[in-house]
Amino acid sequence: MARRKNRHVGSSVEEFLSEEGILEASTLKAVKTAIAWQIADEMKRQRITKSRMAQRMETSRAQLDRLLDGERDVTLDMITRAASVLDKEIVIQLR
């Protein structure tokens, strides 16, 4: 019986996701998750509660929860406001 060759053996994850047509969506999800994690981690490090963070950002706790979810759509403005409250900067680059 002949073995069927797996067309993905030896390919990168990026190539696999591209071939499956999900590279862009996967990348976006990964970026949002990473940003949410970094903001939550910095809040914890600085001992800032969600309520206090939302107040400093001049937004609702629900909006902050959406930002920290990593699955939801958030605006660049919201990310920038969070970074500012945490005394951090956002760096974005196109490659």
PDB file of N, CA and C in Angstrom:
ATOM      1  N   MET A   1       0.850  -1.176   0.000  1.00  0.00           N
ATOM      2  CA  MET A   1       0.000   0.000   0.000  1.00  0.00           C
ATOM      3  C   MET A   1       0.897   1.242   0.000  1.00  0.00           C
ATOM      4  N   ALA A   2       0.664   2.152  -0.891  1.00  0.00           N
ATOM      5  CA  ALA A   2       1.477   3.359  -1.014  1.00  0.00           C
ATOM      6  C   ALA A   2       1.111   4.353   0.079  1.00  0.00           C
ATOM      7  N   ARG A   3       2.140   4.991   0.609  1.00  0.00           N
ATOM      8  CA  ARG A   3       1.905   6.017   1.627  1.00  0.00           C
ATOM      9  C   ARG A   3       1.593   7.343   0.950  1.00  0.00           C
ATOM     10  N   ARG A   4       0.683   8.053   1.523  1.00  0.00           N
ATOM     11  CA  ARG A   4       0.322   9.361   0.996  1.00  0.00           C
ATOM     12  C   ARG A   4       1.227  10.407   1.643  1.00  0.00           C
ATOM     13  N   LYS A   5       1.891  11.201   0.836  1.00  0.00           N
ATOM     14  CA  LYS A   5       2.811  12.210   1.352  1.00  0.00           C
ATOM     15  C   LYS A   5       2.017  13.415   1.870  1.00  0.00           C
ATOM     16  N   ASN A   6       2.373  13.852   3.064  1.00  0.00           N
ATOM     17  CA  ASN A   6       1.750  15.036   3.654  1.00  0.00           C
ATOM     18  C   ASN A   6       2.373  16.263   3.007  1.00  0.00           C
ATOM     19  N   ARG A   7       1.573  17.053   2.342  1.00  0.00           N
ATOM     20  CA  ARG A   7       2.093  18.224   1.623  1.00  0.00           C
ATOM     21  C   ARG A   7       2.626  19.311   2.558  1.00  0.00           C
ATOM     22  N   HIS A   8       2.333  19.219   3.854  1.00  0.00           N
ATOM     23  CA  HIS A   8       2.773  20.239   4.808  1.00  0.00           C
ATOM     24  C   HIS A   8       4.060  19.862   5.533  1.00  0.00           C
ATOM     25  N   VAL A   9       4.530  18.642   5.375  1.00  0.00           N
ATOM     26  CA  VAL A   9       5.770  18.234   6.034  1.00  0.00           C
ATOM     27  C   VAL A   9       6.911  19.078   5.480  1.00  0.00           C
ATOM     28  N   GLY A  10       7.648  19.702   6.396  1.00  0.00           N
ATOM     29  CA  GLY A  10       8.768  20.537   5.993  1.00  0.00           C
ATOM     30  C   GLY A  10       8.408  21.987   5.746  1.00  0.00           C
ATOM     31  N   SER A  11       7.122  22.310   5.746  1.00  0.00           N
ATOM     32  CA  SER A  11       6.736  23.698   5.525  1.00  0.00           C
ATOM     33  C   SER A  11       6.660  24.431   6.863  1.00  0.00           C
ATOM     34  N   SER A  12       6.722  25.741   6.795  1.00  0.00           N
ATOM     35  CA  SER A  12       6.632  26.545   8.012  1.00  0.00           C
ATOM     36  C   SER A  12       5.159  26.714   8.390  1.00  0.00           C
ATOM     37  N   VAL A  13       4.952  27.126   9.620  1.00  0.00           N
ATOM     38  CA  VAL A  13       3.586  27.385  10.074  1.00  0.00           C
ATOM     39  C   VAL A  13       2.982  28.485   9.214  1.00  0.00           C
ATOM     40  N   GLU A  14       3.778  29.496   8.910  1.00  0.00           N
ATOM     41  CA  GLU A  14       3.294  30.601   8.084  1.00  0.00           C
ATOM     42  C   GLU A  14       2.850  30.099   6.704  1.00  0.00           C
ATOM     43  N   GLU A  15       3.628  29.224   6.098  1.00  0.00           N
ATOM     44  CA  GLU A  15       3.251  28.658   4.794  1.00  0.00           C
ATOM     45  C   GLU A  15       1.961  27.852   4.911  1.00  0.00           C
ATOM     46  N   PHE A  16       1.854  27.064   5.963  1.00  0.00           N
ATOM     47  CA  PHE A  16       0.657  26.255   6.170  1.00  0.00           C
ATOM     48  C   PHE A  16      -0.577  27.145   6.314  1.00  0.00           C
ATOM     49  N   LEU A  17      -0.495  28.179   7.162  1.00  0.00           N
ATOM     50  CA  LEU A  17      -1.633  29.068   7.371  1.00  0.00           C
ATOM     51  C   LEU A  17      -1.996  29.801   6.085  1.00  0.00           C
ATOM     52  N   SER A  18      -0.994  30.183   5.316  1.00  0.00           N
ATOM     53  CA  SER A  18      -1.240  30.850   4.047  1.00  0.00           C
ATOM     54  C   SER A  18      -1.956  29.926   3.066  1.00  0.00           C
ATOM     55  N   GLU A  19      -1.480  28.689   2.979  1.00  0.00           N
ATOM     56  CA  GLU A  19      -2.118  27.720   2.080  1.00  0.00           C
ATOM     57  C   GLU A  19      -3.561  27.436   2.482  1.00  0.00           C
ATOM     58  N   GLU A  20      -3.822  27.482   3.779  1.00  0.00           N
ATOM     59  CA  GLU A  20      -5.171  27.237   4.283  1.00  0.00           C
ATOM     60  C   GLU A  20      -6.060  28.480   4.185  1.00  0.00           C
ATOM     61  N   GLY A  21      -5.461  29.613   3.824  1.00  0.00           N
ATOM     62  CA  GLY A  21      -6.212  30.859   3.678  1.00  0.00           C
ATOM     63  C   GLY A  21      -6.562  31.528   4.993  1.00  0.00           C
ATOM     64  N   ILE A  22      -5.795  31.231   6.042  1.00  0.00           N
ATOM     65  CA  ILE A  22      -6.103  31.801   7.355  1.00  0.00           C
ATOM     66  C   ILE A  22      -4.925  32.549   7.971  1.00  0.00           C
ATOM     67  N   LEU A  23      -3.921  32.867   7.180  1.00  0.00           N
ATOM     68  CA  LEU A  23      -2.729  33.543   7.706  1.00  0.00           C
ATOM     69  C   LEU A  23      -3.079  34.908   8.278  1.00  0.00           C
ATOM     70  N   GLU A  24      -3.802  35.719   7.539  1.00  0.00           N
ATOM     71  CA  GLU A  24      -4.126  37.075   7.985  1.00  0.00           C
ATOM     72  C   GLU A  24      -4.953  37.051   9.268  1.00  0.00           C
ATOM     73  N   ALA A  25      -5.975  36.218   9.321  1.00  0.00           N
ATOM     74  CA  ALA A  25      -6.826  36.134  10.515  1.00  0.00           C
ATOM     75  C   ALA A  25      -6.035  35.613  11.711  1.00  0.00           C
ATOM     76  N   SER A  26      -5.171  34.644  11.482  1.00  0.00           N
ATOM     77  CA  SER A  26      -4.362  34.083  12.564  1.00  0.00           C
ATOM     78  C   SER A  26      -3.367  35.106  13.093  1.00  0.00           C
ATOM     79  N   THR A  27      -2.769  35.859  12.197  1.00  0.00           N
ATOM     80  CA  THR A  27      -1.808  36.888  12.600  1.00  0.00           C
ATOM     81  C   THR A  27      -2.506  37.971  13.413  1.00  0.00           C
ATOM     82  N   LEU A  28      -3.667  38.409  12.951  1.00  0.00           N
ATOM     83  CA  LEU A  28      -4.422  39.439  13.662  1.00  0.00           C
ATOM     84  C   LEU A  28      -4.789  38.964  15.068  1.00  0.00           C
ATOM     85  N   LYS A  29      -5.252  37.741  15.177  1.00  0.00           N
ATOM     86  CA  LYS A  29      -5.618  37.192  16.488  1.00  0.00           C
ATOM     87  C   LYS A  29      -4.392  37.129  17.396  1.00  0.00           C
ATOM     88  N   ALA A  30      -3.271  36.721  16.860  1.00  0.00           N
ATOM     89  CA  ALA A  30      -2.043  36.627  17.654  1.00  0.00           C
ATOM     90  C   ALA A  30      -1.594  38.004  18.144  1.00  0.00           C
ATOM     91  N   VAL A  31      -1.683  39.001  17.289  1.00  0.00           N
ATOM     92  CA  VAL A  31      -1.285  40.358  17.666  1.00  0.00           C
ATOM     93  C   VAL A  31      -2.207  40.890  18.763  1.00  0.00           C
ATOM     94  N   LYS A  32      -3.518  40.737  18.581  1.00  0.00           N
ATOM     95  CA  LYS A  32      -4.471  41.217  19.587  1.00  0.00           C
ATOM     96  C   LYS A  32      -4.263  40.513  20.921  1.00  0.00           C
ATOM     97  N   THR A  33      -4.010  39.216  20.878  1.00  0.00           N
ATOM     98  CA  THR A  33      -3.778  38.459  22.104  1.00  0.00           C
ATOM     99  C   THR A  33      -2.504  38.924  22.798  1.00  0.00           C
ATOM    100  N   ALA A  34      -1.460  39.169  22.027  1.00  0.00           N
ATOM    101  CA  ALA A  34      -0.188  39.630  22.596  1.00  0.00           C
ATOM    102  C   ALA A  34      -0.331  41.006  23.231  1.00  0.00           C
ATOM    103  N   ILE A  35      -1.043  41.902  22.565  1.00  0.00           N
ATOM    104  CA  ILE A  35      -1.249  43.243  23.114  1.00  0.00           C
ATOM    105  C   ILE A  35      -2.065  43.161  24.396  1.00  0.00           C
ATOM    106  N   ALA A  36      -3.136  42.379  24.382  1.00  0.00           N
ATOM    107  CA  ALA A  36      -3.973  42.223  25.578  1.00  0.00           C
ATOM    108  C   ALA A  36      -3.149  41.670  26.734  1.00  0.00           C
ATOM    109  N   TRP A  37      -2.318  40.671  26.446  1.00  0.00           N
ATOM    110  CA  TRP A  37      -1.483  40.069  27.481  1.00  0.00           C
ATOM    111  C   TRP A  37      -0.494  41.083  28.043  1.00  0.00           C
ATOM    112  N   GLN A  38       0.125  41.865  27.173  1.00  0.00           N
ATOM    113  CA  GLN A  38       1.103  42.853  27.629  1.00  0.00           C
ATOM    114  C   GLN A  38       0.452  43.930  28.496  1.00  0.00           C
ATOM    115  N   ILE A  39      -0.730  44.382  28.109  1.00  0.00           N
ATOM    116  CA  ILE A  39      -1.432  45.394  28.898  1.00  0.00           C
ATOM    117  C   ILE A  39      -1.821  44.824  30.255  1.00  0.00           C
ATOM    118  N   ALA A  40      -2.389  43.632  30.275  1.00  0.00           N
ATOM    119  CA  ALA A  40      -2.783  42.995  31.544  1.00  0.00           C
ATOM    120  C   ALA A  40      -1.570  42.766  32.432  1.00  0.00           C
ATOM    121  N   ASP A  41      -0.479  42.330  31.838  1.00  0.00           N
ATOM    122  CA  ASP A  41       0.741  42.075  32.601  1.00  0.00           C
ATOM    123  C   ASP A  41       1.284  43.362  33.219  1.00  0.00           C
ATOM    124  N   GLU A  42       1.263  44.425  32.447  1.00  0.00           N
ATOM    125  CA  GLU A  42       1.761  45.708  32.959  1.00  0.00           C
ATOM    126  C   GLU A  42       0.821  46.266  34.033  1.00  0.00           C
ATOM    127  N   MET A  43      -0.475  46.076  33.866  1.00  0.00           N
ATOM    128  CA  MET A  43      -1.418  46.493  34.910  1.00  0.00           C
ATOM    129  C   MET A  43      -1.117  45.758  36.212  1.00  0.00           C
ATOM    130  N   LYS A  44      -0.867  44.476  36.097  1.00  0.00           N
ATOM    131  CA  LYS A  44      -0.552  43.674  37.282  1.00  0.00           C
ATOM    132  C   LYS A  44       0.758  44.149  37.913  1.00  0.00           C
ATOM    133  N   ARG A  45       1.758  44.380  37.077  1.00  0.00           N
ATOM    134  CA  ARG A  45       3.059  44.828  37.571  1.00  0.00           C
ATOM    135  C   ARG A  45       2.944  46.159  38.312  1.00  0.00           C
ATOM    136  N   GLN A  46       2.108  47.059  37.770  1.00  0.00           N
ATOM    137  CA  GLN A  46       1.935  48.383  38.384  1.00  0.00           C
ATOM    138  C   GLN A  46       0.829  48.387  39.443  1.00  0.00           C
ATOM    139  N   ARG A  47       0.205  47.248  39.648  1.00  0.00           N
ATOM    140  CA  ARG A  47      -0.879  47.103  40.634  1.00  0.00           C
ATOM    141  C   ARG A  47      -2.030  48.068  40.364  1.00  0.00           C
ATOM    142  N   ILE A  48      -2.461  48.088  39.103  1.00  0.00           N
ATOM    143  CA  ILE A  48      -3.592  48.925  38.699  1.00  0.00           C
ATOM    144  C   ILE A  48      -4.788  48.010  38.468  1.00  0.00           C
ATOM    145  N   THR A  49      -5.868  48.260  39.165  1.00  0.00           N
ATOM    146  CA  THR A  49      -7.078  47.458  39.005  1.00  0.00           C
ATOM    147  C   THR A  49      -7.770  47.813  37.690  1.00  0.00           C
ATOM    148  N   LYS A  50      -8.649  46.940  37.256  1.00  0.00           N
ATOM    149  CA  LYS A  50      -9.401  47.215  36.028  1.00  0.00           C
ATOM    150  C   LYS A  50     -10.243  48.479  36.175  1.00  0.00           C
ATOM    151  N   SER A  51     -10.858  48.646  37.325  1.00  0.00           N
ATOM    152  CA  SER A  51     -11.688  49.838  37.544  1.00  0.00           C
ATOM    153  C   SER A  51     -10.854  51.113  37.461  1.00  0.00           C
ATOM    154  N   ARG A  52      -9.700  51.095  38.089  1.00  0.00           N
ATOM    155  CA  ARG A  52      -8.820  52.272  38.072  1.00  0.00           C
ATOM    156  C   ARG A  52      -8.266  52.518  36.669  1.00  0.00           C
ATOM    157  N   MET A  53      -7.919  51.458  35.980  1.00  0.00           N
ATOM    158  CA  MET A  53      -7.410  51.576  34.610  1.00  0.00           C
ATOM    159  C   MET A  53      -8.468  52.197  33.704  1.00  0.00           C
ATOM    160  N   ALA A  54      -9.680  51.705  33.791  1.00  0.00           N
ATOM    161  CA  ALA A  54     -10.772  52.247  32.969  1.00  0.00           C
ATOM    162  C   ALA A  54     -10.991  53.724  33.276  1.00  0.00           C
ATOM    163  N   GLN A  55     -10.939  54.064  34.547  1.00  0.00           N
ATOM    164  CA  GLN A  55     -11.115  55.455  34.953  1.00  0.00           C
ATOM    165  C   GLN A  55     -10.011  56.326  34.362  1.00  0.00           C
ATOM    166  N   ARG A  56      -8.781  55.880  34.453  1.00  0.00           N
ATOM    167  CA  ARG A  56      -7.657  56.649  33.912  1.00  0.00           C
ATOM    168  C   ARG A  56      -7.720  56.767  32.395  1.00  0.00           C
ATOM    169  N   MET A  57      -8.270  55.754  31.752  1.00  0.00           N
ATOM    170  CA  MET A  57      -8.412  55.784  30.292  1.00  0.00           C
ATOM    171  C   MET A  57      -9.634  56.578  29.853  1.00  0.00           C
ATOM    172  N   GLU A  58     -10.445  56.987  30.821  1.00  0.00           N
ATOM    173  CA  GLU A  58     -11.699  57.695  30.549  1.00  0.00           C
ATOM    174  C   GLU A  58     -12.611  56.856  29.675  1.00  0.00           C
ATOM    175  N   THR A  59     -12.780  55.594  30.091  1.00  0.00           N
ATOM    176  CA  THR A  59     -13.646  54.671  29.374  1.00  0.00           C
ATOM    177  C   THR A  59     -14.376  53.799  30.389  1.00  0.00           C
ATOM    178  N   SER A  60     -15.192  52.917  29.910  1.00  0.00           N
ATOM    179  CA  SER A  60     -15.933  52.026  30.802  1.00  0.00           C
ATOM    180  C   SER A  60     -15.127  50.763  31.086  1.00  0.00           C
ATOM    181  N   ARG A  61     -15.509  50.105  32.134  1.00  0.00           N
ATOM    182  CA  ARG A  61     -14.873  48.833  32.480  1.00  0.00           C
ATOM    183  C   ARG A  61     -15.157  47.807  31.375  1.00  0.00           C
ATOM    184  N   ALA A  62     -16.344  47.872  30.773  1.00  0.00           N
ATOM    185  CA  ALA A  62     -16.693  46.957  29.677  1.00  0.00           C
ATOM    186  C   ALA A  62     -15.769  47.151  28.481  1.00  0.00           C
ATOM    187  N   GLN A  63     -15.434  48.397  28.171  1.00  0.00           N
ATOM    188  CA  GLN A  63     -14.513  48.681  27.068  1.00  0.00           C
ATOM    189  C   GLN A  63     -13.121  48.130  27.380  1.00  0.00           C
ATOM    190  N   LEU A  64     -12.689  48.285  28.615  1.00  0.00           N
ATOM    191  CA  LEU A  64     -11.386  47.757  29.015  1.00  0.00           C
ATOM    192  C   LEU A  64     -11.396  46.232  28.933  1.00  0.00           C
ATOM    193  N   ASP A  65     -12.482  45.616  29.377  1.00  0.00           N
ATOM    194  CA  ASP A  65     -12.590  44.155  29.276  1.00  0.00           C
ATOM    195  C   ASP A  65     -12.499  43.702  27.822  1.00  0.00           C
ATOM    196  N   ARG A  66     -13.092  44.465  26.915  1.00  0.00           N
ATOM    197  CA  ARG A  66     -13.022  44.138  25.490  1.00  0.00           C
ATOM    198  C   ARG A  66     -11.571  44.195  25.005  1.00  0.00           C
ATOM    199  N   LEU A  67     -10.835  45.210  25.461  1.00  0.00           N
ATOM    200  CA  LEU A  67      -9.422  45.347  25.093  1.00  0.00           C
ATOM    201  C   LEU A  67      -8.598  44.183  25.634  1.00  0.00           C
ATOM    202  N   LEU A  68      -8.876  43.769  26.859  1.00  0.00           N
ATOM    203  CA  LEU A  68      -8.103  42.710  27.494  1.00  0.00           C
ATOM    204  C   LEU A  68      -8.516  41.314  27.038  1.00  0.00           C
ATOM    205  N   ASP A  69      -9.602  41.228  26.295  1.00  0.00           N
ATOM    206  CA  ASP A  69     -10.111  39.941  25.814  1.00  0.00           C
ATOM    207  C   ASP A  69      -9.163  39.307  24.801  1.00  0.00           C
ATOM    208  N   GLY A  70      -8.639  40.098  23.878  1.00  0.00           N
ATOM    209  CA  GLY A  70      -7.751  39.570  22.859  1.00  0.00           C
ATOM    210  C   GLY A  70      -8.486  38.942  21.687  1.00  0.00           C
ATOM    211  N   GLU A  71      -9.768  38.715  21.847  1.00  0.00           N
ATOM    212  CA  GLU A  71     -10.587  38.121  20.780  1.00  0.00           C
ATOM    213  C   GLU A  71     -11.469  39.178  20.112  1.00  0.00           C
ATOM    214  N   ARG A  72     -11.660  40.280  20.772  1.00  0.00           N
ATOM    215  CA  ARG A  72     -12.597  41.298  20.310  1.00  0.00           C
ATOM    216  C   ARG A  72     -11.884  42.366  19.486  1.00  0.00           C
ATOM    217  N   ASP A  73     -12.649  43.067  18.679  1.00  0.00           N
ATOM    218  CA  ASP A  73     -12.092  44.169  17.901  1.00  0.00           C
ATOM    219  C   ASP A  73     -11.930  45.386  18.803  1.00  0.00           C
ATOM    220  N   VAL A  74     -10.774  45.997  18.747  1.00  0.00           N
ATOM    221  CA  VAL A  74     -10.499  47.219  19.496  1.00  0.00           C
ATOM    222  C   VAL A  74      -9.836  48.217  18.566  1.00  0.00           C
ATOM    223  N   THR A  75      -9.964  49.480  18.916  1.00  0.00           N
ATOM    224  CA  THR A  75      -9.381  50.517  18.075  1.00  0.00           C
ATOM    225  C   THR A  75      -7.941  50.803  18.495  1.00  0.00           C
ATOM    226  N   LEU A  76      -7.204  51.356  17.571  1.00  0.00           N
ATOM    227  CA  LEU A  76      -5.843  51.780  17.859  1.00  0.00           C
ATOM    228  C   LEU A  76      -5.862  52.873  18.925  1.00  0.00           C
ATOM    229  N   ASP A  77      -6.885  53.702  18.917  1.00  0.00           N
ATOM    230  CA  ASP A  77      -7.039  54.743  19.929  1.00  0.00           C
ATOM    231  C   ASP A  77      -7.122  54.121  21.327  1.00  0.00           C
ATOM    232  N   MET A  78      -7.897  53.059  21.469  1.00  0.00           N
ATOM    233  CA  MET A  78      -8.052  52.405  22.767  1.00  0.00           C
ATOM    234  C   MET A  78      -6.712  51.815  23.230  1.00  0.00           C
ATOM    235  N   ILE A  79      -5.987  51.182  22.326  1.00  0.00           N
ATOM    236  CA  ILE A  79      -4.685  50.612  22.661  1.00  0.00           C
ATOM    237  C   ILE A  79      -3.711  51.714  23.070  1.00  0.00           C
ATOM    238  N   THR A  80      -3.720  52.807  22.341  1.00  0.00           N
ATOM    239  CA  THR A  80      -2.829  53.932  22.626  1.00  0.00           C
ATOM    240  C   THR A  80      -3.153  54.561  23.972  1.00  0.00           C
ATOM    241  N   ARG A  81      -4.438  54.693  24.288  1.00  0.00           N
ATOM    242  CA  ARG A  81      -4.827  55.259  25.586  1.00  0.00           C
ATOM    243  C   ARG A  81      -4.363  54.359  26.727  1.00  0.00           C
ATOM    244  N   ALA A  82      -4.500  53.051  26.549  1.00  0.00           N
ATOM    245  CA  ALA A  82      -4.042  52.111  27.581  1.00  0.00           C
ATOM    246  C   ALA A  82      -2.539  52.236  27.762  1.00  0.00           C
ATOM    247  N   ALA A  83      -1.817  52.291  26.664  1.00  0.00           N
ATOM    248  CA  ALA A  83      -0.358  52.416  26.734  1.00  0.00           C
ATOM    249  C   ALA A  83       0.046  53.699  27.452  1.00  0.00           C
ATOM    250  N   SER A  84      -0.639  54.775  27.161  1.00  0.00           N
ATOM    251  CA  SER A  84      -0.337  56.058  27.785  1.00  0.00           C
ATOM    252  C   SER A  84      -0.535  56.002  29.301  1.00  0.00           C
ATOM    253  N   VAL A  85      -1.637  55.420  29.726  1.00  0.00           N
ATOM    254  CA  VAL A  85      -1.904  55.273  31.164  1.00  0.00           C
ATOM    255  C   VAL A  85      -0.801  54.472  31.841  1.00  0.00           C
ATOM    256  N   LEU A  86      -0.279  53.487  31.140  1.00  0.00           N
ATOM    257  CA  LEU A  86       0.764  52.625  31.684  1.00  0.00           C
ATOM    258  C   LEU A  86       2.166  53.186  31.470  1.00  0.00           C
ATOM    259  N   ASP A  87       2.232  54.405  30.912  1.00  0.00           N
ATOM    260  CA  ASP A  87       3.502  55.074  30.614  1.00  0.00           C
ATOM    261  C   ASP A  87       4.353  54.242  29.652  1.00  0.00           C
ATOM    262  N   LYS A  88       3.680  53.700  28.648  1.00  0.00           N
ATOM    263  CA  LYS A  88       4.327  52.905  27.604  1.00  0.00           C
ATOM    264  C   LYS A  88       4.015  53.535  26.255  1.00  0.00           C
ATOM    265  N   GLU A  89       4.728  53.102  25.239  1.00  0.00           N
ATOM    266  CA  GLU A  89       4.446  53.584  23.888  1.00  0.00           C
ATOM    267  C   GLU A  89       4.143  52.406  22.980  1.00  0.00           C
ATOM    268  N   ILE A  90       3.365  52.685  21.968  1.00  0.00           N
ATOM    269  CA  ILE A  90       3.018  51.690  20.959  1.00  0.00           C
ATOM    270  C   ILE A  90       3.983  51.866  19.791  1.00  0.00           C
ATOM    271  N   VAL A  91       4.526  50.763  19.317  1.00  0.00           N
ATOM    272  CA  VAL A  91       5.409  50.802  18.157  1.00  0.00           C
ATOM    273  C   VAL A  91       4.773  49.917  17.086  1.00  0.00           C
ATOM    274  N   ILE A  92       4.497  50.515  15.936  1.00  0.00           N
ATOM    275  CA  ILE A  92       3.891  49.801  14.819  1.00  0.00           C
ATOM    276  C   ILE A  92       4.799  49.970  13.613  1.00  0.00           C
ATOM    277  N   GLN A  93       5.023  48.877  12.886  1.00  0.00           N
ATOM    278  CA  GLN A  93       5.840  48.998  11.690  1.00  0.00           C
ATOM    279  C   GLN A  93       5.297  48.086  10.593  1.00  0.00           C
ATOM    280  N   LEU A  94       5.451  48.532   9.389  1.00  0.00           N
ATOM    281  CA  LEU A  94       5.090  47.731   8.233  1.00  0.00           C
ATOM    282  C   LEU A  94       6.352  47.082   7.705  1.00  0.00           C
ATOM    283  N   ARG A  95       6.239  45.812   7.319  1.00  0.00           N
ATOM    284  CA  ARG A  95       7.403  45.145   6.750  1.00  0.00           C
ATOM    285  C   ARG A  95       7.061  44.629   5.380  1.00  0.00           C
TER     286      ARG A  95
END
